[in-house]
PDB file of N, CA and C in Angstrom:
ATOM      1  N   MET A   1      -9.860  -7.115  -7.268  1.00  0.00           N
ATOM      2  CA  MET A   1      -8.764  -6.450  -5.908  1.00  0.00           C
ATOM      3  C   MET A   1      -8.859  -5.217  -6.117  1.00  0.00           C
ATOM      4  N   ALA A   2      -8.772  -4.143  -4.467  1.00  0.00           N
ATOM      5  CA  ALA A   2      -8.526  -3.069  -4.367  1.00  0.00           C
ATOM      6  C   ALA A   2      -6.694  -2.673  -4.375  1.00  0.00           C
ATOM      7  N   LEU A   3      -6.159  -1.670  -4.601  1.00  0.00           N
ATOM      8  CA  LEU A   3      -5.172  -0.902  -3.846  1.00  0.00           C
ATOM      9  C   LEU A   3      -5.212   0.431  -3.431  1.00  0.00           C
ATOM     10  N   GLN A   4      -4.783   0.904  -2.203  1.00  0.00           N
ATOM     11  CA  GLN A   4      -4.819   2.244  -2.103  1.00  0.00           C
ATOM     12  C   GLN A   4      -3.537   2.680  -1.306  1.00  0.00           C
ATOM     13  N   VAL A   5      -3.256   3.663  -2.961  1.00  0.00           N
ATOM     14  CA  VAL A   5      -2.340   3.751  -3.080  1.00  0.00           C
ATOM     15  C   VAL A   5      -1.626   5.572  -2.279  1.00  0.00           C
ATOM     16  N   LYS A   6      -0.390   4.913  -1.399  1.00  0.00           N
ATOM     17  CA  LYS A   6       0.217   6.704  -0.500  1.00  0.00           C
ATOM     18  C   LYS A   6       1.366   6.504  -1.299  1.00  0.00           C
ATOM     19  N   THR A   7       2.193   7.919  -1.699  1.00  0.00           N
ATOM     20  CA  THR A   7       3.421   8.180  -2.304  1.00  0.00           C
ATOM     21  C   THR A   7       3.899   9.308  -1.237  1.00  0.00           C
ATOM     22  N   ARG A   8       4.990   8.730  -0.660  1.00  0.00           N
ATOM     23  CA  ARG A   8       5.969   9.497   0.415  1.00  0.00           C
ATOM     24  C   ARG A   8       7.106  10.181  -0.020  1.00  0.00           C
ATOM     25  N   ARG A   9       7.685  11.122   0.137  1.00  0.00           N
ATOM     26  CA  ARG A   9       9.084  11.369   0.041  1.00  0.00           C
ATOM     27  C   ARG A   9       9.496  10.806   0.911  1.00  0.00           C
ATOM     28  N   ILE A  10      11.426  10.029  -0.015  1.00  0.00           N
ATOM     29  CA  ILE A  10      12.352   9.530   0.993  1.00  0.00           C
ATOM     30  C   ILE A  10      12.870  10.744   1.426  1.00  0.00           C
ATOM     31  N   GLY A  11      12.736   9.832   3.081  1.00  0.00           N
ATOM     32  CA  GLY A  11      13.367  11.453   4.368  1.00  0.00           C
ATOM     33  C   GLY A  11      12.050  11.913   5.257  1.00  0.00           C
ATOM     34  N   GLU A  12      10.822  11.751   4.432  1.00  0.00           N
ATOM     35  CA  GLU A  12       9.392  12.051   5.233  1.00  0.00           C
ATOM     36  C   GLU A  12       8.593  11.021   5.970  1.00  0.00           C
ATOM     37  N   ILE A  13       8.977   9.973   5.695  1.00  0.00           N
ATOM     38  CA  ILE A  13       8.659   8.886   6.453  1.00  0.00           C
ATOM     39  C   ILE A  13       9.473   8.031   7.599  1.00  0.00           C
ATOM     40  N   ALA A  14       8.588   7.957   8.231  1.00  0.00           N
ATOM     41  CA  ALA A  14       9.131   7.438   9.405  1.00  0.00           C
ATOM     42  C   ALA A  14      10.041   5.366   9.206  1.00  0.00           C
ATOM     43  N   LEU A  15      10.973   5.346   9.014  1.00  0.00           N
ATOM     44  CA  LEU A  15      11.386   4.018   8.786  1.00  0.00           C
ATOM     45  C   LEU A  15      11.901   3.415   9.684  1.00  0.00           C
ATOM     46  N   THR A  16      11.206   1.659  10.049  1.00  0.00           N
ATOM     47  CA  THR A  16      11.934   1.413  11.288  1.00  0.00           C
ATOM     48  C   THR A  16      12.384   0.176  11.976  1.00  0.00           C
ATOM     49  N   GLY A  17      13.078  -0.310  12.189  1.00  0.00           N
ATOM     50  CA  GLY A  17      13.897  -1.408  11.807  1.00  0.00           C
ATOM     51  C   GLY A  17      13.259  -2.802  11.086  1.00  0.00           C
ATOM     52  N   SER A  18      11.338  -2.833  11.492  1.00  0.00           N
ATOM     53  CA  SER A  18      10.794  -3.834  10.735  1.00  0.00           C
ATOM     54  C   SER A  18      10.384  -3.373   9.202  1.00  0.00           C
ATOM     55  N   GLY A  19      10.010  -2.041   9.238  1.00  0.00           N
ATOM     56  CA  GLY A  19       9.772  -1.282   7.438  1.00  0.00           C
ATOM     57  C   GLY A  19       9.536   0.176   7.748  1.00  0.00           C
ATOM     58  N   ILE A  20       7.992   0.196   7.248  1.00  0.00           N
ATOM     59  CA  ILE A  20       7.833   1.653   6.485  1.00  0.00           C
ATOM     60  C   ILE A  20       6.573   2.288   7.612  1.00  0.00           C
ATOM     61  N   GLY A  21       6.166   3.170   8.308  1.00  0.00           N
ATOM     62  CA  GLY A  21       5.215   3.164   9.207  1.00  0.00           C
ATOM     63  C   GLY A  21       4.223   4.485   8.965  1.00  0.00           C
ATOM     64  N   ILE A  22       3.796   5.011   8.511  1.00  0.00           N
ATOM     65  CA  ILE A  22       2.295   5.565   7.525  1.00  0.00           C
ATOM     66  C   ILE A  22       1.103   6.208   8.449  1.00  0.00           C
ATOM     67  N   THR A  23       0.850   6.643   8.844  1.00  0.00           N
ATOM     68  CA  THR A  23      -0.465   6.853   9.485  1.00  0.00           C
ATOM     69  C   THR A  23      -1.517   7.331   8.844  1.00  0.00           C
ATOM     70  N   LEU A  24      -2.958   6.377   8.790  1.00  0.00           N
ATOM     71  CA  LEU A  24      -4.262   6.709   8.218  1.00  0.00           C
ATOM     72  C   LEU A  24      -4.539   7.243   8.885  1.00  0.00           C
ATOM     73  N   SER A  25      -6.009   7.514   9.209  1.00  0.00           N
ATOM     74  CA  SER A  25      -7.325   7.776   9.496  1.00  0.00           C
ATOM     75  C   SER A  25      -7.640   7.048  10.094  1.00  0.00           C
ATOM     76  N   ILE A  26      -8.355   6.962  10.587  1.00  0.00           N
ATOM     77  CA  ILE A  26      -9.495   5.588  11.685  1.00  0.00           C
ATOM     78  C   ILE A  26     -10.620   5.171  10.422  1.00  0.00           C
ATOM     79  N   ASP A  27     -11.082   5.981   9.811  1.00  0.00           N
ATOM     80  CA  ASP A  27     -11.664   5.740   8.224  1.00  0.00           C
ATOM     81  C   ASP A  27     -10.606   5.059   7.352  1.00  0.00           C
ATOM     82  N   GLN A  28     -10.106   6.217   7.137  1.00  0.00           N
ATOM     83  CA  GLN A  28      -8.128   5.469   6.764  1.00  0.00           C
ATOM     84  C   GLN A  28      -8.622   3.778   6.517  1.00  0.00           C
ATOM     85  N   PHE A  29      -8.367   3.630   7.769  1.00  0.00           N
ATOM     86  CA  PHE A  29      -8.274   2.356   8.203  1.00  0.00           C
ATOM     87  C   PHE A  29      -9.495   1.809   7.837  1.00  0.00           C
ATOM     88  N   LYS A  30     -10.439   2.050   8.741  1.00  0.00           N
ATOM     89  CA  LYS A  30     -11.297   0.913   8.616  1.00  0.00           C
ATOM     90  C   LYS A  30     -11.357   0.370   7.032  1.00  0.00           C
ATOM     91  N   ARG A  31     -11.755   1.188   5.668  1.00  0.00           N
ATOM     92  CA  ARG A  31     -12.212   1.139   4.883  1.00  0.00           C
ATOM     93  C   ARG A  31     -10.898  -0.173   4.063  1.00  0.00           C
ATOM     94  N   LEU A  32      -9.453   0.104   4.392  1.00  0.00           N
ATOM     95  CA  LEU A  32      -8.995  -0.804   3.973  1.00  0.00           C
ATOM     96  C   LEU A  32      -8.939  -2.889   4.684  1.00  0.00           C
ATOM     97  N   ARG A  33      -9.721  -2.401   6.251  1.00  0.00           N
ATOM     98  CA  ARG A  33      -9.246  -3.535   7.033  1.00  0.00           C
ATOM     99  C   ARG A  33     -10.482  -4.631   6.477  1.00  0.00           C
ATOM    100  N   GLY A  34     -10.707  -6.040   7.364  1.00  0.00           N
ATOM    101  CA  GLY A  34     -11.396  -6.846   6.993  1.00  0.00           C
ATOM    102  C   GLY A  34     -11.611  -7.032   5.944  1.00  0.00           C
ATOM    103  N   ARG A  35     -11.996  -8.726   6.577  1.00  0.00           N
ATOM    104  CA  ARG A  35     -12.637  -9.509   4.459  1.00  0.00           C
ATOM    105  C   ARG A  35     -13.697  -8.787   3.737  1.00  0.00           C
ATOM    106  N   ARG A  36     -13.253  -8.686   2.657  1.00  0.00           N
ATOM    107  CA  ARG A  36     -14.043  -7.830   1.308  1.00  0.00           C
ATOM    108  C   ARG A  36     -14.633  -9.545   0.322  1.00  0.00           C
ATOM    109  N   GLN A  37     -15.133  -9.318  -0.305  1.00  0.00           N
ATOM    110  CA  GLN A  37     -15.196 -10.561  -1.842  1.00  0.00           C
ATOM    111  C   GLN A  37     -14.134  -9.279  -2.930  1.00  0.00           C
ATOM    112  N   VAL A  38     -13.509  -8.387  -2.134  1.00  0.00           N
ATOM    113  CA  VAL A  38     -12.251  -8.445  -2.869  1.00  0.00           C
ATOM    114  C   VAL A  38     -10.717  -7.865  -2.390  1.00  0.00           C
ATOM    115  N   PRO A  39     -10.099  -8.227  -2.575  1.00  0.00           N
ATOM    116  CA  PRO A  39      -8.837  -7.941  -1.965  1.00  0.00           C
ATOM    117  C   PRO A  39      -8.477  -6.358  -1.921  1.00  0.00           C
ATOM    118  N   CYS A  40      -8.263  -6.062  -0.989  1.00  0.00           N
ATOM    119  CA  CYS A  40      -7.179  -4.740  -0.167  1.00  0.00           C
ATOM    120  C   CYS A  40      -6.442  -4.423  -0.049  1.00  0.00           C
ATOM    121  N   TYR A  41      -5.402  -4.130  -0.824  1.00  0.00           N
ATOM    122  CA  TYR A  41      -4.037  -3.651  -0.601  1.00  0.00           C
ATOM    123  C   TYR A  41      -3.714  -2.348  -0.809  1.00  0.00           C
ATOM    124  N   LEU A  42      -3.173  -2.218   0.856  1.00  0.00           N
ATOM    125  CA  LEU A  42      -1.888  -0.082   0.967  1.00  0.00           C
ATOM    126  C   LEU A  42      -0.253  -0.462   0.315  1.00  0.00           C
ATOM    127  N   VAL A  43      -0.478   0.449  -0.880  1.00  0.00           N
ATOM    128  CA  VAL A  43       1.036   1.154  -1.514  1.00  0.00           C
ATOM    129  C   VAL A  43       1.010   1.659  -0.872  1.00  0.00           C
ATOM    130  N   ILE A  44       2.640   1.841  -0.634  1.00  0.00           N
ATOM    131  CA  ILE A  44       2.844   3.365  -0.223  1.00  0.00           C
ATOM    132  C   ILE A  44       4.474   3.008  -1.280  1.00  0.00           C
ATOM    133  N   VAL A  45       4.344   4.102  -1.827  1.00  0.00           N
ATOM    134  CA  VAL A  45       5.671   4.258  -3.095  1.00  0.00           C
ATOM    135  C   VAL A  45       6.521   5.586  -2.956  1.00  0.00           C
ATOM    136  N   LEU A  46       7.677   5.094  -2.611  1.00  0.00           N
ATOM    137  CA  LEU A  46       8.877   5.919  -1.567  1.00  0.00           C
ATOM    138  C   LEU A  46       9.321   6.919  -2.722  1.00  0.00           C
ATOM    139  N   VAL A  47       9.701   8.094  -3.109  1.00  0.00           N
ATOM    140  CA  VAL A  47       9.849   9.007  -4.143  1.00  0.00           C
ATOM    141  C   VAL A  47      10.857  10.001  -3.521  1.00  0.00           C
ATOM    142  N   PRO A  48      12.089  10.430  -4.712  1.00  0.00           N
ATOM    143  CA  PRO A  48      12.717  11.562  -4.073  1.00  0.00           C
ATOM    144  C   PRO A  48      12.098  12.507  -3.709  1.00  0.00           C
ATOM    145  N   ARG A  49      12.513  13.902  -3.103  1.00  0.00           N
ATOM    146  CA  ARG A  49      12.349  14.685  -3.005  1.00  0.00           C
ATOM    147  C   ARG A  49      11.146  15.526  -4.372  1.00  0.00           C
ATOM    148  N   ASP A  50      12.535  15.503  -6.120  1.00  0.00           N
ATOM    149  CA  ASP A  50      12.141  15.597  -7.262  1.00  0.00           C
ATOM    150  C   ASP A  50      12.280  14.393  -8.079  1.00  0.00           C
ATOM    151  N   PRO A  51      10.557  15.598  -8.597  1.00  0.00           N
ATOM    152  CA  PRO A  51       9.950  15.048  -9.822  1.00  0.00           C
ATOM    153  C   PRO A  51      11.037  13.704 -11.164  1.00  0.00           C
ATOM    154  N   ALA A  52      11.628  14.367 -11.459  1.00  0.00           N
ATOM    155  CA  ALA A  52      12.279  14.345 -12.663  1.00  0.00           C
ATOM    156  C   ALA A  52      13.541  13.138 -11.924  1.00  0.00           C
ATOM    157  N   ASP A  53      13.742  12.778 -10.807  1.00  0.00           N
ATOM    158  CA  ASP A  53      14.656  11.633  -9.982  1.00  0.00           C
ATOM    159  C   ASP A  53      14.052  10.524 -10.350  1.00  0.00           C
ATOM    160  N   TYR A  54      12.364  10.653 -10.475  1.00  0.00           N
ATOM    161  CA  TYR A  54      11.957   9.353 -10.754  1.00  0.00           C
ATOM    162  C   TYR A  54      10.745   9.424 -11.096  1.00  0.00           C
ATOM    163  N   ILE A  55       9.825   9.789 -12.072  1.00  0.00           N
ATOM    164  CA  ILE A  55       9.635   9.920 -13.707  1.00  0.00           C
ATOM    165  C   ILE A  55      10.253  10.591 -14.474  1.00  0.00           C
ATOM    166  N   SER A  56       9.646   9.902 -15.953  1.00  0.00           N
ATOM    167  CA  SER A  56       9.652   9.899 -17.195  1.00  0.00           C
ATOM    168  C   SER A  56       9.329  10.216 -17.785  1.00  0.00           C
ATOM    169  N   VAL A  57       9.054  10.881 -18.450  1.00  0.00           N
ATOM    170  CA  VAL A  57       8.119  10.252 -19.900  1.00  0.00           C
ATOM    171  C   VAL A  57       8.026  10.569 -21.024  1.00  0.00           C
ATOM    172  N   GLY A  58       7.418   9.627 -21.944  1.00  0.00           N
ATOM    173  CA  GLY A  58       8.196   9.060 -23.627  1.00  0.00           C
ATOM    174  C   GLY A  58       7.539   8.592 -24.336  1.00  0.00           C
ATOM    175  N   VAL A  59       7.541   8.928 -25.623  1.00  0.00           N
ATOM    176  CA  VAL A  59       6.297   8.021 -26.264  1.00  0.00           C
ATOM    177  C   VAL A  59       7.647   6.551 -26.702  1.00  0.00           C
ATOM    178  N   PRO A  60       7.208   5.722 -26.228  1.00  0.00           N
ATOM    179  CA  PRO A  60       5.974   5.522 -25.500  1.00  0.00           C
ATOM    180  C   PRO A  60       5.331   4.755 -24.430  1.00  0.00           C
ATOM    181  N   GLU A  61       6.282   5.244 -23.735  1.00  0.00           N
ATOM    182  CA  GLU A  61       6.217   4.405 -22.331  1.00  0.00           C
ATOM    183  C   GLU A  61       6.370   5.798 -21.720  1.00  0.00           C
ATOM    184  N   LEU A  62       5.745   5.471 -19.966  1.00  0.00           N
ATOM    185  CA  LEU A  62       5.835   6.218 -18.779  1.00  0.00           C
ATOM    186  C   LEU A  62       6.904   5.053 -18.009  1.00  0.00           C
ATOM    187  N   THR A  63       8.335   5.444 -17.394  1.00  0.00           N
ATOM    188  CA  THR A  63       8.884   5.918 -16.785  1.00  0.00           C
ATOM    189  C   THR A  63       8.936   6.020 -15.339  1.00  0.00           C
ATOM    190  N   LEU A  64       8.805   5.016 -14.156  1.00  0.00           N
ATOM    191  CA  LEU A  64       8.275   5.098 -12.395  1.00  0.00           C
ATOM    192  C   LEU A  64      10.255   4.412 -11.849  1.00  0.00           C
ATOM    193  N   LYS A  65      11.212   5.352 -11.736  1.00  0.00           N
ATOM    194  CA  LYS A  65      11.869   4.596 -10.792  1.00  0.00           C
ATOM    195  C   LYS A  65      11.377   4.729  -9.310  1.00  0.00           C
ATOM    196  N   HIS A  66      11.843   3.916  -8.388  1.00  0.00           N
ATOM    197  CA  HIS A  66      11.944   3.596  -7.001  1.00  0.00           C
ATOM    198  C   HIS A  66      11.196   2.286  -6.299  1.00  0.00           C
ATOM    199  N   SER A  67      11.231   3.035  -5.137  1.00  0.00           N
ATOM    200  CA  SER A  67      10.009   1.071  -4.446  1.00  0.00           C
ATOM    201  C   SER A  67       8.956   1.764  -3.756  1.00  0.00           C
ATOM    202  N   ALA A  68       8.030  -0.102  -4.300  1.00  0.00           N
ATOM    203  CA  ALA A  68       6.465   1.041  -3.646  1.00  0.00           C
ATOM    204  C   ALA A  68       6.344  -0.208  -3.191  1.00  0.00           C
ATOM    205  N   TYR A  69       6.022  -0.799  -1.773  1.00  0.00           N
ATOM    206  CA  TYR A  69       5.842  -1.721  -0.830  1.00  0.00           C
ATOM    207  C   TYR A  69       4.911  -1.560  -0.654  1.00  0.00           C
ATOM    208  N   TRP A  70       3.945  -3.357   0.414  1.00  0.00           N
ATOM    209  CA  TRP A  70       2.312  -3.125  -0.121  1.00  0.00           C
ATOM    210  C   TRP A  70       2.629  -3.733   1.330  1.00  0.00           C
ATOM    211  N   VAL A  71       0.943  -3.760   1.871  1.00  0.00           N
ATOM    212  CA  VAL A  71       0.762  -4.558   3.220  1.00  0.00           C
ATOM    213  C   VAL A  71      -0.936  -4.996   3.453  1.00  0.00           C
ATOM    214  N   SER A  72      -1.508  -6.139   3.469  1.00  0.00           N
ATOM    215  CA  SER A  72      -3.100  -6.242   3.594  1.00  0.00           C
ATOM    216  C   SER A  72      -3.039  -5.661   5.317  1.00  0.00           C
ATOM    217  N   LEU A  73      -3.856  -5.507   4.868  1.00  0.00           N
ATOM    218  CA  LEU A  73      -4.846  -4.132   6.605  1.00  0.00           C
ATOM    219  C   LEU A  73      -5.706  -5.400   7.074  1.00  0.00           C
ATOM    220  N   GLU A  74      -6.484  -6.774   6.229  1.00  0.00           N
ATOM    221  CA  GLU A  74      -7.482  -7.717   6.162  1.00  0.00           C
ATOM    222  C   GLU A  74      -7.717  -8.187   7.337  1.00  0.00           C
ATOM    223  N   ASP A  75      -6.976  -8.385   8.475  1.00  0.00           N
ATOM    224  CA  ASP A  75      -7.020  -9.354   9.725  1.00  0.00           C
ATOM    225  C   ASP A  75      -6.187  -8.048  11.123  1.00  0.00           C
ATOM    226  N   ARG A  76      -6.331  -7.130   9.759  1.00  0.00           N
ATOM    227  CA  ARG A  76      -5.580  -6.507  11.511  1.00  0.00           C
ATOM    228  C   ARG A  76      -7.414  -5.829  12.727  1.00  0.00           C
ATOM    229  N   PRO A  77      -6.643  -5.901  14.006  1.00  0.00           N
ATOM    230  CA  PRO A  77      -7.698  -5.654  14.521  1.00  0.00           C
ATOM    231  C   PRO A  77      -8.027  -3.744  14.572  1.00  0.00           C
ATOM    232  N   LEU A  78      -9.619  -3.370  14.332  1.00  0.00           N
ATOM    233  CA  LEU A  78      -9.699  -1.972  14.766  1.00  0.00           C
ATOM    234  C   LEU A  78      -9.103  -1.403  16.098  1.00  0.00           C
ATOM    235  N   PRO A  79      -8.486  -0.343  16.214  1.00  0.00           N
ATOM    236  CA  PRO A  79      -8.657   0.025  17.109  1.00  0.00           C
ATOM    237  C   PRO A  79      -9.026   0.932  17.890  1.00  0.00           C
ATOM    238  N   ILE A  80      -9.803   0.906  19.603  1.00  0.00           N
ATOM    239  CA  ILE A  80     -10.207   0.345  20.293  1.00  0.00           C
ATOM    240  C   ILE A  80     -10.210   2.179  21.163  1.00  0.00           C
ATOM    241  N   GLN A  81      -9.235   2.645  21.134  1.00  0.00           N
ATOM    242  CA  GLN A  81      -8.798   3.506  21.911  1.00  0.00           C
ATOM    243  C   GLN A  81      -9.955   4.874  22.380  1.00  0.00           C
ATOM    244  N   GLN A  82     -11.136   5.252  22.668  1.00  0.00           N
ATOM    245  CA  GLN A  82     -11.718   6.220  22.548  1.00  0.00           C
ATOM    246  C   GLN A  82     -10.955   7.262  21.870  1.00  0.00           C
ATOM    247  N   GLY A  83     -11.909   8.430  21.398  1.00  0.00           N
ATOM    248  CA  GLY A  83     -11.286   9.415  21.126  1.00  0.00           C
ATOM    249  C   GLY A  83     -10.174   9.205  19.689  1.00  0.00           C
ATOM    250  N   GLN A  84      -9.286   7.680  18.883  1.00  0.00           N
ATOM    251  CA  GLN A  84      -8.333   8.160  19.091  1.00  0.00           C
ATOM    252  C   GLN A  84      -8.298   8.511  17.402  1.00  0.00           C
ATOM    253  N   LYS A  85      -8.124   8.926  16.483  1.00  0.00           N
ATOM    254  CA  LYS A  85      -8.229   9.192  15.090  1.00  0.00           C
ATOM    255  C   LYS A  85      -7.622   9.386  14.178  1.00  0.00           C
ATOM    256  N   SER A  86      -6.249   8.378  14.580  1.00  0.00           N
ATOM    257  CA  SER A  86      -5.401   7.683  13.329  1.00  0.00           C
ATOM    258  C   SER A  86      -5.072   6.668  14.212  1.00  0.00           C
ATOM    259  N   VAL A  87      -4.418   5.574  13.041  1.00  0.00           N
ATOM    260  CA  VAL A  87      -3.798   4.213  13.422  1.00  0.00           C
ATOM    261  C   VAL A  87      -2.306   4.779  12.437  1.00  0.00           C
ATOM    262  N   THR A  88      -1.185   3.786  12.795  1.00  0.00           N
ATOM    263  CA  THR A  88       0.154   4.281  12.294  1.00  0.00           C
ATOM    264  C   THR A  88      -0.011   2.198  12.290  1.00  0.00           C
ATOM    265  N   VAL A  89       0.239   2.493  10.547  1.00  0.00           N
ATOM    266  CA  VAL A  89       0.821   0.959  10.220  1.00  0.00           C
ATOM    267  C   VAL A  89       1.987   1.041   9.477  1.00  0.00           C
ATOM    268  N   THR A  90       2.223  -0.390  10.075  1.00  0.00           N
ATOM    269  CA  THR A  90       4.031  -0.344   9.465  1.00  0.00           C
ATOM    270  C   THR A  90       3.684  -1.220   8.744  1.00  0.00           C
ATOM    271  N   VAL A  91       4.294  -1.522   7.008  1.00  0.00           N
ATOM    272  CA  VAL A  91       4.679  -1.773   5.335  1.00  0.00           C
ATOM    273  C   VAL A  91       5.778  -2.265   5.295  1.00  0.00           C
ATOM    274  N   PRO A  92       5.601  -3.802   5.654  1.00  0.00           N
ATOM    275  CA  PRO A  92       7.112  -4.487   5.884  1.00  0.00           C
ATOM    276  C   PRO A  92       8.560  -4.649   4.667  1.00  0.00           C
ATOM    277  N   ARG A  93       9.096  -3.795   4.716  1.00  0.00           N
ATOM    278  CA  ARG A  93       9.879  -3.823   3.678  1.00  0.00           C
ATOM    279  C   ARG A  93      10.018  -5.243   2.340  1.00  0.00           C
ATOM    280  N   GLU A  94       9.930  -5.880   2.933  1.00  0.00           N
ATOM    281  CA  GLU A  94      10.752  -7.469   2.213  1.00  0.00           C
ATOM    282  C   GLU A  94       9.305  -6.864   1.274  1.00  0.00           C
ATOM    283  N   ASN A  95       8.093  -6.617   2.110  1.00  0.00           N
ATOM    284  CA  ASN A  95       7.386  -6.517   0.747  1.00  0.00           C
ATOM    285  C   ASN A  95       7.120  -5.834  -0.991  1.00  0.00           C
ATOM    286  N   LEU A  96       8.267  -5.978  -1.393  1.00  0.00           N
ATOM    287  CA  LEU A  96       8.449  -5.208  -2.488  1.00  0.00           C
ATOM    288  C   LEU A  96       7.398  -5.519  -3.318  1.00  0.00           C
ATOM    289  N   LEU A  97       7.229  -4.000  -4.121  1.00  0.00           N
ATOM    290  CA  LEU A  97       5.842  -4.685  -4.997  1.00  0.00           C
ATOM    291  C   LEU A  97       5.830  -4.603  -6.278  1.00  0.00           C
ATOM    292  N   THR A  98       6.211  -6.123  -6.475  1.00  0.00           N
ATOM    293  CA  THR A  98       6.636  -6.862  -8.038  1.00  0.00           C
ATOM    294  C   THR A  98       5.444  -7.408  -9.220  1.00  0.00           C
ATOM    295  N   VAL A  99       6.134  -7.286 -10.522  1.00  0.00           N
ATOM    296  CA  VAL A  99       5.102  -7.817 -10.776  1.00  0.00           C
ATOM    297  C   VAL A  99       4.428  -9.073 -10.868  1.00  0.00           C
ATOM    298  N   ASP A 100       4.834  -9.753 -10.254  1.00  0.00           N
ATOM    299  CA  ASP A 100       4.805 -11.607  -9.933  1.00  0.00           C
ATOM    300  C   ASP A 100       3.924 -11.147  -8.651  1.00  0.00           C
ATOM    301  N   VAL A 101       4.549 -10.417  -7.330  1.00  0.00           N
ATOM    302  CA  VAL A 101       3.018  -9.736  -7.222  1.00  0.00           C
ATOM    303  C   VAL A 101       2.120 -10.045  -6.778  1.00  0.00           C
ATOM    304  N   LEU A 102       2.174  -8.609  -8.375  1.00  0.00           N
ATOM    305  CA  LEU A 102       0.896  -8.186  -8.547  1.00  0.00           C
ATOM    306  C   LEU A 102      -0.032  -9.484  -9.397  1.00  0.00           C
ATOM    307  N   HIS A 103       0.536 -10.284  -9.666  1.00  0.00           N
ATOM    308  CA  HIS A 103      -0.051 -11.122 -10.811  1.00  0.00           C
ATOM    309  C   HIS A 103      -0.433 -12.307  -9.253  1.00  0.00           C
ATOM    310  N   GLU A 104      -0.449 -12.353  -7.958  1.00  0.00           N
ATOM    311  CA  GLU A 104      -0.706 -12.898  -7.059  1.00  0.00           C
ATOM    312  C   GLU A 104      -1.807 -12.333  -6.982  1.00  0.00           C
ATOM    313  N   PHE A 105      -1.368 -11.068  -7.196  1.00  0.00           N
ATOM    314  CA  PHE A 105      -2.989  -9.834  -6.405  1.00  0.00           C
ATOM    315  C   PHE A 105      -3.869 -10.131  -7.409  1.00  0.00           C
ATOM    316  N   PHE A 106      -4.130 -10.154  -8.636  1.00  0.00           N
ATOM    317  CA  PHE A 106      -4.932 -10.388  -9.441  1.00  0.00           C
ATOM    318  C   PHE A 106      -5.670 -11.866  -9.613  1.00  0.00           C
ATOM    319  N   HIS A 107      -4.088 -13.186  -9.189  1.00  0.00           N
ATOM    320  CA  HIS A 107      -4.776 -14.555  -9.104  1.00  0.00           C
ATOM    321  C   HIS A 107      -5.913 -14.771  -7.813  1.00  0.00           C
ATOM    322  N   ARG A 108      -5.589 -14.218  -6.557  1.00  0.00           N
ATOM    323  CA  ARG A 108      -5.839 -14.725  -5.401  1.00  0.00           C
ATOM    324  C   ARG A 108      -7.433 -13.257  -6.063  1.00  0.00           C
ATOM    325  N   ALA A 109      -7.476 -12.226  -5.992  1.00  0.00           N
ATOM    326  CA  ALA A 109      -8.671 -11.778  -6.897  1.00  0.00           C
ATOM    327  C   ALA A 109     -10.121 -13.055  -7.212  1.00  0.00           C
ATOM    328  N   CYS A 110      -9.568 -13.610  -8.514  1.00  0.00           N
ATOM    329  CA  CYS A 110     -10.164 -14.308  -9.327  1.00  0.00           C
ATOM    330  C   CYS A 110     -10.460 -15.306  -8.356  1.00  0.00           C
ATOM    331  N   GLU A 111      -9.774 -15.893  -7.752  1.00  0.00           N
ATOM    332  CA  GLU A 111     -10.139 -16.492  -7.454  1.00  0.00           C
ATOM    333  C   GLU A 111     -10.896 -16.731  -6.372  1.00  0.00           C
ATOM    334  N   GLU A 112     -11.654 -15.204  -5.482  1.00  0.00           N
ATOM    335  CA  GLU A 112     -12.298 -14.646  -4.127  1.00  0.00           C
ATOM    336  C   GLU A 112     -13.624 -14.648  -4.782  1.00  0.00           C
ATOM    337  N   VAL A 113     -13.548 -14.099  -6.069  1.00  0.00           N
ATOM    338  CA  VAL A 113     -14.830 -13.576  -6.440  1.00  0.00           C
ATOM    339  C   VAL A 113     -15.738 -14.235  -6.373  1.00  0.00           C
ATOM    340  N   PRO A 114     -17.222 -14.270  -6.719  1.00  0.00           N
ATOM    341  CA  PRO A 114     -17.915 -15.842  -6.732  1.00  0.00           C
ATOM    342  C   PRO A 114     -18.810 -16.122  -7.944  1.00  0.00           C
ATOM    343  N   ALA A 115     -18.265 -17.069  -9.288  1.00  0.00           N
ATOM    344  CA  ALA A 115     -18.745 -17.402 -10.415  1.00  0.00           C
ATOM    345  C   ALA A 115     -20.677 -16.878 -10.283  1.00  0.00           C
ATOM    346  N   PRO A 116     -20.715 -16.248 -11.239  1.00  0.00           N
ATOM    347  CA  PRO A 116     -22.534 -16.050 -11.758  1.00  0.00           C
ATOM    348  C   PRO A 116     -23.301 -17.624 -11.628  1.00  0.00           C
TER     349      PRO A 116
END
């Protein structure tokens, strides 16, 4: 499994009715789309402006607060407009990244890797 993680400050992103809009370069988009041997996901972590509001470090733990959302671009078509340098992707708000979702990602990745 591969994750491309992007962090964005709350208030500096485009929230749409269906999700969170994030702009990717065409090269970034190409690296995330299409079927691969290992599933690949785009993850958006939304954080407050002040890191003290979402991260704390201590012994023996690192605690991160706030939310992360994911999307697979596996089936997305490549934008074909001449000269287009970027594309905006909507990450659905219902795609909250949870421990259960990560387990599903690992399970899917294990199923798709061929046995030696």
